[in-house]
């Protein structure tokens, strides 16, 4: 039986593809258009999801959070200026790195210490970190859906239940 955290990560990858594919259907200027919202553009939200996914990949791979965060700022800025086709490739490459790493792990319940410079040390597992990645992504894909509606466009259904039906 597949570990629930691995299934949630797979859902995260699936849902990212759904929203990116929807963004590719829309006029290209929508992706970088500045609007009044929690984030000022869809590109900023998607690059935030990507940068955060990179942070957590580095952490579960054994790097410190301080190191991971230092890299994330630059990654986010670089991702913000990319077009949606380039972002699709970045997400695909990152998901392949995650899957290769996860397939190499004997125990995703292995405990890791995350020393967050803002919140202190957290003893957690690789599996819990994957759940964080998935729920963080779901939250921000919801931001994108709201932003698209604000700009007069529909989003795409990306619910977990729909993912289960698609398998």
Protein backbone atom coordinates (compact mmCIF):
# COMPACT_ATOMS: atom_id res chain seq x y z
CA UNK A 1 0.00 0.00 0.00
CA UNK A 2 1.23 3.46 -0.88
CA UNK A 3 2.20 5.67 2.07
CA UNK A 4 -0.43 8.45 2.53
CA UNK A 5 2.27 11.16 2.47
CA UNK A 6 3.57 9.88 -0.88
CA UNK A 7 0.02 9.91 -2.20
CA UNK A 8 -0.41 13.50 -1.03
CA UNK A 9 2.82 14.50 -2.71
CA UNK A 10 1.61 12.84 -5.91
CA UNK A 11 -1.63 14.85 -5.55
CA UNK A 12 0.43 18.03 -5.15
CA UNK A 13 2.29 17.34 -8.41
CA UNK A 14 -0.99 16.49 -10.18
CA UNK A 15 -2.73 19.66 -8.90
CA UNK A 16 0.23 21.87 -9.86
CA UNK A 17 0.02 20.44 -13.38
CA UNK A 18 -3.73 21.10 -13.51
CA UNK A 19 -3.38 24.77 -12.54
CA UNK A 20 -0.35 25.30 -14.80
CA UNK A 21 -2.18 23.72 -17.73
CA UNK A 22 -5.11 26.05 -17.06
CA UNK A 23 -2.79 29.06 -16.96
CA UNK A 24 -1.33 27.97 -20.31
CA UNK A 25 -4.84 28.17 -21.83
CA UNK A 26 -5.32 31.79 -20.77
CA UNK A 27 -3.96 34.94 -22.44
CA UNK A 28 -0.25 35.09 -21.59
CA UNK A 29 -0.45 38.56 -20.02
CA UNK A 30 -2.69 37.18 -17.22
CA UNK A 31 0.27 35.33 -15.71
CA UNK A 32 2.30 38.46 -14.85
CA UNK A 33 -0.61 40.94 -14.57
CA UNK A 34 -0.46 43.05 -11.40
CA UNK A 35 -3.65 42.94 -9.31
CA UNK A 36 -4.78 43.80 -5.78
CA UNK A 37 -4.63 40.53 -3.87
CA UNK A 38 -2.54 38.74 -1.24
CA UNK A 39 0.13 38.38 -3.93
CA UNK A 40 0.42 41.01 -6.64
CA UNK A 41 0.45 38.53 -9.54
CA UNK A 42 -0.20 34.89 -10.34
CA UNK A 43 3.48 34.55 -11.30
CA UNK A 44 4.47 35.60 -7.77
CA UNK A 45 2.19 32.95 -6.23
CA UNK A 46 3.40 30.16 -8.49
CA UNK A 47 7.05 31.12 -7.97
CA UNK A 48 6.39 31.13 -4.20
CA UNK A 49 5.02 27.58 -4.39
CA UNK A 50 8.05 26.55 -6.43
CA UNK A 51 10.59 28.20 -4.11
CA UNK A 52 8.94 26.67 -1.03
CA UNK A 53 8.93 23.23 -2.66
CA UNK A 54 12.67 23.73 -3.28
CA UNK A 55 13.24 24.71 0.36
CA UNK A 56 11.57 21.56 1.62
CA UNK A 57 13.39 19.39 -0.90
CA UNK A 58 16.69 20.74 0.40
CA UNK A 59 15.60 20.17 4.01
CA UNK A 60 14.47 16.57 3.55
CA UNK A 61 17.68 15.97 1.57
CA UNK A 62 19.71 16.92 4.64
CA UNK A 63 20.49 20.61 4.17
CA UNK A 64 19.82 23.12 6.94
CA UNK A 65 16.79 25.36 6.73
CA UNK A 66 19.12 28.36 6.87
CA UNK A 67 20.91 27.09 3.74
CA UNK A 68 17.61 26.21 2.03
CA UNK A 69 16.10 29.63 2.74
CA UNK A 70 19.20 31.41 1.45
CA UNK A 71 18.78 29.66 -1.89
CA UNK A 72 15.02 30.13 -2.01
CA UNK A 73 14.99 33.91 -2.33
CA UNK A 74 17.08 33.83 -5.46
CA UNK A 75 15.11 30.87 -6.87
CA UNK A 76 11.84 32.70 -6.30
CA UNK A 77 13.08 35.85 -7.99
CA UNK A 78 14.36 33.88 -10.97
CA UNK A 79 11.11 31.93 -11.23
CA UNK A 80 8.95 35.09 -11.11
CA UNK A 81 10.27 36.32 -14.46
CA UNK A 82 9.81 33.00 -16.25
CA UNK A 83 6.82 32.33 -18.48
CA UNK A 84 4.31 29.63 -17.67
CA UNK A 85 5.86 27.10 -20.06
CA UNK A 86 9.21 27.51 -18.34
CA UNK A 87 7.53 27.15 -14.95
CA UNK A 88 5.93 23.88 -16.03
CA UNK A 89 9.41 22.55 -16.81
CA UNK A 90 10.82 23.76 -13.48
CA UNK A 91 8.02 22.03 -11.58
CA UNK A 92 8.46 18.83 -13.61
CA UNK A 93 12.21 18.76 -12.98
CA UNK A 94 11.70 19.39 -9.25
CA UNK A 95 9.05 16.67 -8.96
CA UNK A 96 11.43 14.21 -10.63
CA UNK A 97 14.12 15.13 -8.09
CA UNK A 98 11.61 14.61 -5.25
CA UNK A 99 10.51 11.25 -6.61
CA UNK A 100 14.09 10.03 -7.10
CA UNK A 101 14.97 11.08 -3.56
CA UNK A 102 11.82 9.54 -2.06
CA UNK A 103 12.33 6.29 -3.95
CA UNK A 104 15.84 6.07 -2.48
CA UNK A 105 14.57 6.34 1.10
CA UNK A 106 14.09 3.19 3.15
CA UNK A 107 11.96 4.99 5.75
CA UNK A 108 10.12 8.26 5.12
CA UNK A 109 9.12 8.25 8.81
CA UNK A 110 12.78 8.97 9.56
CA UNK A 111 13.00 11.90 11.92
CA UNK A 112 14.77 15.08 10.88
CA UNK A 113 15.51 18.21 12.88
CA UNK A 114 14.46 21.43 11.19
CA UNK A 115 16.08 24.49 12.74
CA UNK A 116 13.77 27.28 11.63
CA UNK A 117 15.44 30.66 12.28
CA UNK A 118 12.00 32.17 13.03
CA UNK A 119 10.38 29.39 15.07
CA UNK A 120 13.13 27.22 16.54
CA UNK A 121 13.91 23.53 16.21
CA UNK A 122 11.22 21.11 15.08
CA UNK A 123 11.61 17.34 15.20
CA UNK A 124 9.57 16.07 12.27
CA UNK A 125 9.68 13.37 9.63
CA UNK A 126 10.15 13.33 5.89
CA UNK A 127 6.52 12.22 5.57
CA UNK A 128 5.24 15.16 7.63
CA UNK A 129 7.35 17.50 5.51
CA UNK A 130 5.67 16.11 2.39
CA UNK A 131 2.28 16.80 3.94
CA UNK A 132 3.38 20.37 4.55
CA UNK A 133 4.49 20.73 0.92
CA UNK A 134 1.12 19.41 -0.31
CA UNK A 135 -1.05 21.55 1.97
CA UNK A 136 1.05 24.66 1.36
CA UNK A 137 0.64 24.17 -2.38
CA UNK A 138 -3.12 23.60 -2.06
CA UNK A 139 -3.51 26.82 -0.08
CA UNK A 140 -1.67 28.88 -2.67
CA UNK A 141 -3.34 27.22 -5.67
CA UNK A 142 -6.52 28.51 -4.00
CA UNK A 143 -4.97 32.00 -4.11
CA UNK A 144 -4.41 31.54 -7.85
CA UNK A 145 -8.02 30.42 -8.37
CA UNK A 146 -9.26 33.54 -6.56
CA UNK A 147 -6.96 35.80 -8.56
CA UNK A 148 -8.15 34.30 -11.84
CA UNK A 149 -11.77 34.96 -10.84
CA UNK A 150 -10.83 38.55 -9.96
CA UNK A 151 -9.51 38.92 -13.50
CA UNK A 152 -12.67 37.42 -15.03
CA UNK A 153 -11.38 33.91 -15.71
CA UNK A 154 -12.25 30.52 -14.30
CA UNK A 155 -9.72 28.29 -12.65
CA UNK A 156 -9.56 24.50 -12.95
CA UNK A 157 -10.86 21.89 -10.54
CA UNK A 158 -7.96 20.47 -8.56
CA UNK A 159 -9.63 18.89 -5.54
CA UNK A 160 -8.12 15.83 -3.92
CA UNK A 161 -11.28 13.85 -4.70
CA UNK A 162 -10.93 14.62 -8.39
CA UNK A 163 -7.29 13.51 -8.19
CA UNK A 164 -8.44 10.18 -6.73
CA UNK A 165 -10.86 9.71 -9.62
CA UNK A 166 -8.13 10.53 -12.12
CA UNK A 167 -5.79 7.78 -10.89
